[in-house]
């Protein structure tokens, strides 16, 4: 995840005593040596304007309140801890469509933390097919518009088996290569004209923190009011080095822990689910299979009423939130630095005969 450091400064002062021959010992009042001990603790960081709403293991949800507009949300996912996966409900070569609330309630899996909408699709029919290429462990479709719509503005989001992710140039043949990732979502470049300058619901996904040929942090941007340039700019402020535009408009939604932060009434055929990291206190591993198990739970019903006054917001200095326990070394050094020193005293001269 995106991390900064909170630095704790501890000043340790040494006051040496000097004695010249038979003269009284001199205790210097000014420090002769000052050690600055910098102890750091990792902390989540966000651009100015974003407040932390809630977090899980490897996942943080941030909100930016916009004067006179709708709030922007960014879900920050540490792909070394948490994971992303496609969720579909296939019917032969087609995909059934469900609302965000139905997806959450009937296709829940252990560790499910958040969902957003994903692939473009034909909104006029049910069941439907994806507009561009889509591959999951149980389904592959080339997309009905791959060779006819936005042909030079298609990108593919690859969710890698080791947890990382990349955005690459779309290639229809890549969908069927066995060695390629099982999760591939073809969508559009951020400048493809989908009402480019209109303030409408948008869903963008950005990647950052490239390491070993894979990006280790995903940034999911969802807003009810954004232009394409605005959404792109917000992800750039977060540090995204790759971006892709997912379906938007009436499809755009964000559900976090059962609460719809960006609600949508449209039934959609594909979404991207965030699975938080495993609980260290249990041996259970999260189910990372594509969402085909209908595990209905009455407690999983989506709450579409977000109360901004009672949301769990914890922000330090406007953009930094520490999630780690106090550093024991810091406590130790504070104790050492706080020890009261003895009052200086003069050392009497020794007699010549001694």
Protein backbone atom coordinates (compact mmCIF):
# COMPACT_ATOMS: atom_id res chain seq x y z
CA UNK A 1 0.00 0.00 0.00
CA UNK A 2 1.01 3.57 -0.34
CA UNK A 3 3.09 4.32 2.73
CA UNK A 4 4.81 7.27 4.30
CA UNK A 5 6.61 7.34 7.60
CA UNK A 6 5.78 9.10 10.83
CA UNK A 7 9.10 10.03 12.40
CA UNK A 8 9.65 10.18 16.12
CA UNK A 9 12.68 12.24 17.17
CA UNK A 10 14.46 11.42 20.41
CA UNK A 11 17.31 13.65 21.53
CA UNK A 12 19.96 12.00 23.67
CA UNK A 13 22.50 14.43 25.11
CA UNK A 14 25.90 13.39 26.44
CA UNK A 15 27.66 15.83 28.77
CA UNK A 16 31.30 14.75 29.06
CA UNK A 17 33.42 15.81 32.05
CA UNK A 18 36.92 17.09 31.40
CA UNK A 19 39.69 17.51 33.96
CA UNK A 20 42.95 19.20 33.17
CA UNK A 21 45.74 18.09 35.51
CA UNK A 22 44.94 19.28 39.04
CA UNK A 23 42.21 21.70 38.00
CA UNK A 24 38.60 21.18 39.04
CA UNK A 25 36.60 19.02 36.72
CA UNK A 26 34.52 21.00 34.24
CA UNK A 27 31.00 19.93 33.38
CA UNK A 28 30.05 21.62 30.14
CA UNK A 29 26.60 23.10 30.25
CA UNK A 30 26.24 22.96 26.48
CA UNK A 31 25.77 19.52 24.98
CA UNK A 32 28.94 18.19 23.45
CA UNK A 33 27.18 15.47 21.58
CA UNK A 34 23.57 15.22 20.63
CA UNK A 35 22.19 12.09 19.04
CA UNK A 36 19.03 12.28 17.02
CA UNK A 37 17.40 8.90 17.03
CA UNK A 38 14.80 8.63 14.31
CA UNK A 39 12.29 5.88 14.86
CA UNK A 40 9.71 5.38 12.20
CA UNK A 41 6.39 3.66 12.00
CA UNK A 42 4.66 2.93 8.70
CA UNK A 43 1.46 4.84 8.08
CA UNK A 44 -1.08 4.93 5.33
CA UNK A 45 -1.01 8.15 3.37
CA UNK A 46 -3.42 9.84 1.01
CA UNK A 47 -3.45 13.04 -1.03
CA UNK A 48 -4.84 16.10 0.69
CA UNK A 49 -8.62 16.11 0.87
CA UNK A 50 -9.06 12.36 1.38
CA UNK A 51 -10.15 10.95 4.74
CA UNK A 52 -9.93 7.33 5.82
CA UNK A 53 -13.41 5.80 6.06
CA UNK A 54 -12.66 2.20 6.95
CA UNK A 55 -9.96 -0.41 6.47
CA UNK A 56 -9.32 -4.12 6.49
CA UNK A 57 -6.32 -6.38 6.14
CA UNK A 58 -4.50 -4.91 3.14
CA UNK A 59 -7.41 -2.63 2.17
CA UNK A 60 -8.19 1.02 2.93
CA UNK A 61 -11.21 3.02 1.78
CA UNK A 62 -10.75 6.77 1.38
CA UNK A 63 -13.32 9.49 0.75
CA UNK A 64 -12.96 13.02 -0.58
CA UNK A 65 -15.82 15.41 0.07
CA UNK A 66 -16.35 17.77 -2.84
CA UNK A 67 -18.08 21.10 -2.24
CA UNK A 68 -21.32 21.21 -4.16
CA UNK A 69 -20.80 17.73 -5.61
CA UNK A 70 -20.69 14.04 -4.83
CA UNK A 71 -17.87 12.46 -2.81
CA UNK A 72 -15.05 10.62 -4.52
CA UNK A 73 -13.96 7.23 -3.19
CA UNK A 74 -10.65 5.44 -3.60
CA UNK A 75 -10.15 1.86 -2.46
CA UNK A 76 -6.45 1.24 -1.91
CA UNK A 77 -5.49 -2.43 -2.14
CA UNK A 78 -2.14 -3.89 -1.13
CA UNK A 79 -1.87 -6.80 -3.54
CA UNK A 80 0.76 -8.48 -1.38
CA UNK A 81 -1.89 -8.89 1.33
CA UNK A 82 -5.33 -8.56 -0.23
CA UNK A 83 -6.48 -9.58 -3.72
CA UNK A 84 -8.79 -8.73 -6.62
CA UNK A 85 -10.94 -11.16 -8.56
CA UNK A 86 -13.65 -11.23 -11.22
CA UNK A 87 -17.16 -12.23 -10.25
CA UNK A 88 -19.63 -13.53 -12.84
CA UNK A 89 -22.73 -15.72 -13.13
CA UNK A 90 -22.38 -17.50 -16.51
CA UNK A 91 -25.24 -18.98 -18.47
CA UNK A 92 -23.57 -20.82 -21.34
CA UNK A 93 -21.73 -18.20 -23.39
CA UNK A 94 -23.69 -15.38 -21.79
CA UNK A 95 -23.67 -13.75 -18.37
CA UNK A 96 -26.59 -13.21 -16.06
CA UNK A 97 -27.06 -9.75 -14.59
CA UNK A 98 -27.64 -8.80 -10.94
CA UNK A 99 -27.81 -5.60 -8.97
CA UNK A 100 -24.97 -4.71 -6.62
CA UNK A 101 -27.13 -5.66 -3.65
CA UNK A 102 -27.94 -9.07 -5.11
CA UNK A 103 -24.32 -9.76 -5.99
CA UNK A 104 -23.25 -8.95 -2.45
CA UNK A 105 -25.92 -11.08 -0.78
CA UNK A 106 -25.95 -14.14 -3.02
CA UNK A 107 -22.33 -14.45 -4.15
CA UNK A 108 -20.50 -13.61 -0.94
CA UNK A 109 -17.28 -15.41 -0.05
CA UNK A 110 -15.08 -15.36 3.08
CA UNK A 111 -13.00 -12.20 3.24
CA UNK A 112 -15.24 -10.25 0.88
CA UNK A 113 -14.53 -6.59 1.62
CA UNK A 114 -15.68 -4.48 -1.34
CA UNK A 115 -17.06 -4.70 -4.88
CA UNK A 116 -17.06 -2.35 -7.85
CA UNK A 117 -18.46 -2.72 -11.36
CA UNK A 118 -16.11 -4.00 -14.04
CA UNK A 119 -16.51 -4.87 -17.74
CA UNK A 120 -18.49 -3.01 -20.39
CA UNK A 121 -21.47 -5.00 -21.69
CA UNK A 122 -24.62 -4.88 -23.80
CA UNK A 123 -27.11 -3.17 -21.48
CA UNK A 124 -30.13 -3.84 -23.70
CA UNK A 125 -30.33 -7.60 -23.15
CA UNK A 126 -30.39 -10.11 -20.30
CA UNK A 127 -28.49 -12.36 -20.19
CA UNK A 128 -25.77 -10.40 -21.91
CA UNK A 129 -22.20 -10.64 -23.18
CA UNK A 130 -19.14 -8.49 -22.51
CA UNK A 131 -18.31 -5.74 -25.00
CA UNK A 132 -14.61 -6.60 -24.92
CA UNK A 133 -12.55 -9.59 -23.96
CA UNK A 134 -13.11 -11.23 -20.58
CA UNK A 135 -11.44 -14.26 -19.03
CA UNK A 136 -12.04 -15.83 -15.63
CA UNK A 137 -11.13 -19.31 -14.37
CA UNK A 138 -14.53 -20.57 -15.55
CA UNK A 139 -15.38 -18.35 -18.52
CA UNK A 140 -13.78 -16.80 -21.62
CA UNK A 141 -15.44 -14.49 -24.14
CA UNK A 142 -13.75 -12.49 -26.93
CA UNK A 143 -16.22 -9.58 -26.65
CA UNK A 144 -18.80 -8.55 -29.22
CA UNK A 145 -17.17 -5.15 -29.85
CA UNK A 146 -13.51 -6.12 -29.84
CA UNK A 147 -13.07 -5.70 -33.59
CA UNK A 148 -15.61 -2.92 -34.12
CA UNK A 149 -15.59 -0.51 -31.13
CA UNK A 150 -12.67 1.55 -29.81
CA UNK A 151 -10.33 -0.82 -31.59
CA UNK A 152 -7.22 1.23 -30.90
CA UNK A 153 -8.18 2.20 -27.34
CA UNK A 154 -8.54 -1.14 -25.60
CA UNK A 155 -6.44 -2.18 -22.61
CA UNK A 156 -6.37 -5.38 -20.61
CA UNK A 157 -6.19 -5.59 -16.84
CA UNK A 158 -4.28 -8.71 -15.84
CA UNK A 159 -4.75 -9.95 -12.29
CA UNK A 160 -1.69 -12.11 -11.82
CA UNK A 161 -1.65 -15.43 -10.02
CA UNK A 162 0.90 -14.17 -7.48
CA UNK A 163 -1.37 -11.31 -6.44
CA UNK A 164 0.15 -8.52 -8.52
CA UNK A 165 -1.49 -6.80 -11.47
CA UNK A 166 -0.57 -5.15 -14.77
CA UNK A 167 -2.36 -3.17 -17.46
CA UNK A 168 -1.23 -4.21 -20.94
CA UNK A 169 -2.23 -3.60 -24.55
CA UNK A 170 -5.28 -5.67 -25.38
CA UNK A 171 -4.68 -8.67 -27.61
CA UNK A 172 -7.61 -10.99 -28.39
CA UNK A 173 -5.30 -13.97 -28.74
CA UNK A 174 -3.97 -13.46 -25.20
CA UNK A 175 -7.31 -14.55 -23.77
CA UNK A 176 -6.75 -18.16 -24.76
CA UNK A 177 -3.03 -18.59 -24.00
CA UNK A 178 -2.89 -21.13 -21.14
CA UNK A 179 0.16 -19.54 -19.52
CA UNK A 180 -1.51 -16.13 -19.30
CA UNK A 181 -3.44 -15.11 -16.16
CA UNK A 182 -6.87 -16.61 -15.59
CA UNK A 183 -8.28 -13.19 -14.77
CA UNK A 184 -8.19 -10.74 -17.69
CA UNK A 185 -10.56 -7.79 -18.09
CA UNK A 186 -10.44 -5.78 -21.30
CA UNK A 187 -11.68 -2.20 -20.97
CA UNK A 188 -10.65 1.21 -22.35
CA UNK A 189 -7.93 3.82 -22.19
CA UNK A 190 -8.71 6.85 -20.04
CA UNK A 191 -9.06 9.07 -23.14
CA UNK A 192 -11.52 6.88 -25.06
CA UNK A 193 -14.55 9.08 -25.58
CA UNK A 194 -17.25 7.81 -23.24
CA UNK A 195 -18.84 11.22 -22.72
CA UNK A 196 -15.34 12.49 -22.00
CA UNK A 197 -16.33 15.89 -20.59
CA UNK A 198 -19.62 14.91 -18.95
CA UNK A 199 -19.93 14.83 -15.16
CA UNK A 200 -21.37 11.34 -14.77
CA UNK A 201 -20.62 8.27 -12.62
CA UNK A 202 -17.14 6.88 -13.32
CA UNK A 203 -15.13 3.84 -12.32
CA UNK A 204 -11.39 3.88 -12.99
CA UNK A 205 -8.65 1.55 -11.79
CA UNK A 206 -5.02 2.54 -11.31
CA UNK A 207 -1.88 0.60 -10.47
CA UNK A 208 1.34 1.65 -8.76
CA UNK A 209 4.36 0.27 -6.88
CA UNK A 210 5.88 -1.80 -9.68
CA UNK A 211 8.17 -4.58 -8.48
CA UNK A 212 9.41 -7.71 -10.25
CA UNK A 213 7.39 -6.93 -13.39
CA UNK A 214 4.13 -6.53 -11.48
CA UNK A 215 2.32 -3.71 -9.70
CA UNK A 216 1.74 -4.29 -6.00
CA UNK A 217 -0.91 -1.63 -5.26
CA UNK A 218 -4.30 -1.19 -6.92
CA UNK A 219 -6.36 2.01 -6.65
CA UNK A 220 -10.09 1.76 -7.36
CA UNK A 221 -11.69 5.16 -8.05
CA UNK A 222 -15.49 5.44 -7.98
CA UNK A 223 -17.52 8.65 -8.06
CA UNK A 224 -21.07 9.60 -8.97
CA UNK A 225 -19.83 12.78 -10.65
CA UNK A 226 -16.59 12.93 -12.60
CA UNK A 227 -15.26 13.66 -16.04
CA UNK A 228 -12.67 11.32 -17.51
CA UNK A 229 -9.92 13.88 -17.04
CA UNK A 230 -10.97 14.46 -13.44
CA UNK A 231 -10.92 10.73 -12.60
CA UNK A 232 -7.55 10.33 -14.30
CA UNK A 233 -6.18 13.31 -12.40
CA UNK A 234 -7.32 11.98 -9.03
CA UNK A 235 -5.60 8.63 -9.59
CA UNK A 236 -2.49 10.47 -10.74
CA UNK A 237 -2.51 12.36 -7.43
CA UNK A 238 -2.43 9.00 -5.69
CA UNK A 239 0.62 8.03 -7.71
CA UNK A 240 -0.94 5.65 -10.25
CA UNK A 241 1.47 4.86 -13.06
CA UNK A 242 -1.06 2.81 -15.06
CA UNK A 243 -4.78 3.45 -15.46
CA UNK A 244 -7.76 1.84 -17.14
CA UNK A 245 -11.36 3.03 -17.56
CA UNK A 246 -13.99 0.50 -16.54
CA UNK A 247 -17.70 0.68 -17.28
CA UNK A 248 -19.37 3.74 -15.77
CA UNK A 249 -22.65 5.60 -15.96
CA UNK A 250 -25.50 3.73 -14.32
CA UNK A 251 -23.23 0.72 -13.80
CA UNK A 252 -20.83 2.53 -11.46
CA UNK A 253 -21.08 1.33 -7.89
CA UNK A 254 -19.05 0.76 -4.75
CA UNK A 255 -20.14 -1.53 -1.94
CA UNK A 256 -17.92 -1.84 1.14
CA UNK A 257 -18.66 -4.32 3.91
CA UNK A 258 -22.31 -4.40 2.92
CA UNK A 259 -22.76 -0.63 2.65
CA UNK A 260 -23.33 1.00 -0.74
CA UNK A 261 -21.12 4.08 -0.76
CA UNK A 262 -21.92 4.62 -4.44
CA UNK A 263 -25.28 2.93 -5.05
CA UNK A 264 -26.55 1.74 -8.41
CA UNK A 265 -29.85 0.26 -9.43
CA UNK A 266 -28.58 -1.23 -12.69
CA UNK A 267 -28.12 -4.98 -13.00
CA UNK A 268 -24.60 -5.76 -14.23
CA UNK A 269 -22.95 -8.99 -15.46
CA UNK A 270 -19.46 -8.55 -14.04
CA UNK A 271 -17.84 -6.98 -11.03
CA UNK A 272 -14.45 -6.82 -9.38
CA UNK A 273 -14.30 -8.01 -5.81
CA UNK A 274 -11.73 -7.06 -3.17
CA UNK A 275 -10.79 -9.88 -0.81
CA UNK A 276 -9.01 -8.71 2.31
CA UNK A 277 -5.98 -10.60 3.60
CA UNK A 278 -6.37 -13.70 5.78
CA UNK A 279 -7.06 -13.26 9.46
CA UNK A 280 -3.81 -14.08 11.31
CA UNK A 281 -5.85 -15.37 14.25
CA UNK A 282 -7.45 -18.15 12.23
CA UNK A 283 -6.25 -20.90 9.92
CA UNK A 284 -9.00 -20.28 7.39
CA UNK A 285 -7.88 -19.16 3.95
CA UNK A 286 -10.09 -16.86 1.83
CA UNK A 287 -11.95 -18.45 -1.07
CA UNK A 288 -10.48 -16.89 -4.20
CA UNK A 289 -12.61 -18.77 -6.71
CA UNK A 290 -14.64 -16.63 -9.09
CA UNK A 291 -17.98 -15.87 -7.48
CA UNK A 292 -20.24 -18.73 -8.45
CA UNK A 293 -21.25 -19.93 -4.98
CA UNK A 294 -24.55 -18.45 -3.85
CA UNK A 295 -23.89 -18.21 -0.13
CA UNK A 296 -26.89 -16.12 0.94
CA UNK A 297 -26.59 -14.52 4.36
CA UNK A 298 -29.23 -12.28 5.84
CA UNK A 299 -26.50 -10.26 7.50
CA UNK A 300 -24.91 -9.58 4.09
CA UNK A 301 -27.75 -7.40 2.82
CA UNK A 302 -26.41 -4.14 1.44
CA UNK A 303 -27.09 -0.97 3.39
CA UNK A 304 -27.53 1.82 0.86
CA UNK A 305 -27.70 4.57 3.47
CA UNK A 306 -24.26 5.93 4.24
CA UNK A 307 -24.22 8.24 7.26
CA UNK A 308 -21.23 10.51 6.90
CA UNK A 309 -21.56 11.64 10.52
CA UNK A 310 -21.17 8.14 11.92
CA UNK A 311 -18.72 6.69 9.42
CA UNK A 312 -15.51 5.44 10.99
CA UNK A 313 -13.17 8.22 9.96
CA UNK A 314 -9.74 8.36 11.55
CA UNK A 315 -7.33 10.85 10.06
CA UNK A 316 -4.12 12.37 11.40
CA UNK A 317 -2.87 15.67 10.00
CA UNK A 318 -5.39 15.42 7.19
CA UNK A 319 -3.58 12.70 5.25
CA UNK A 320 -1.82 10.25 7.52
CA UNK A 321 -3.23 7.41 9.55
CA UNK A 322 -1.06 5.17 11.68
CA UNK A 323 -2.17 1.57 11.99
CA UNK A 324 0.76 0.12 13.91
CA UNK A 325 1.33 -0.30 17.64
CA UNK A 326 3.90 1.85 19.46
CA UNK A 327 7.47 0.97 18.67
CA UNK A 328 8.98 -0.65 21.79
CA UNK A 329 12.38 0.84 20.92
CA UNK A 330 10.82 4.28 21.03
CA UNK A 331 9.55 3.62 24.54
CA UNK A 332 12.97 2.36 25.64
CA UNK A 333 14.82 5.38 24.28
CA UNK A 334 12.30 7.72 25.80
CA UNK A 335 12.96 6.15 29.18
CA UNK A 336 16.70 6.42 28.72
CA UNK A 337 16.50 10.00 27.54
CA UNK A 338 14.30 10.90 30.47
CA UNK A 339 16.69 9.68 33.21
CA UNK A 340 17.58 12.58 35.44
CA UNK A 341 21.30 13.32 35.42
CA UNK A 342 23.29 13.85 38.61
CA UNK A 343 24.23 17.36 39.56
CA UNK A 344 27.78 18.24 38.51
CA UNK A 345 30.29 18.49 41.26
CA UNK A 346 33.84 19.75 41.58
CA UNK A 347 36.65 17.25 42.06
CA UNK A 348 39.04 18.56 44.70
CA UNK A 349 42.75 18.79 44.05
CA UNK A 350 44.80 15.90 45.33
CA UNK A 351 47.68 16.57 47.70
CA UNK A 352 51.14 16.22 46.19
CA UNK A 353 52.00 13.53 48.67
CA UNK A 354 49.07 11.31 47.85
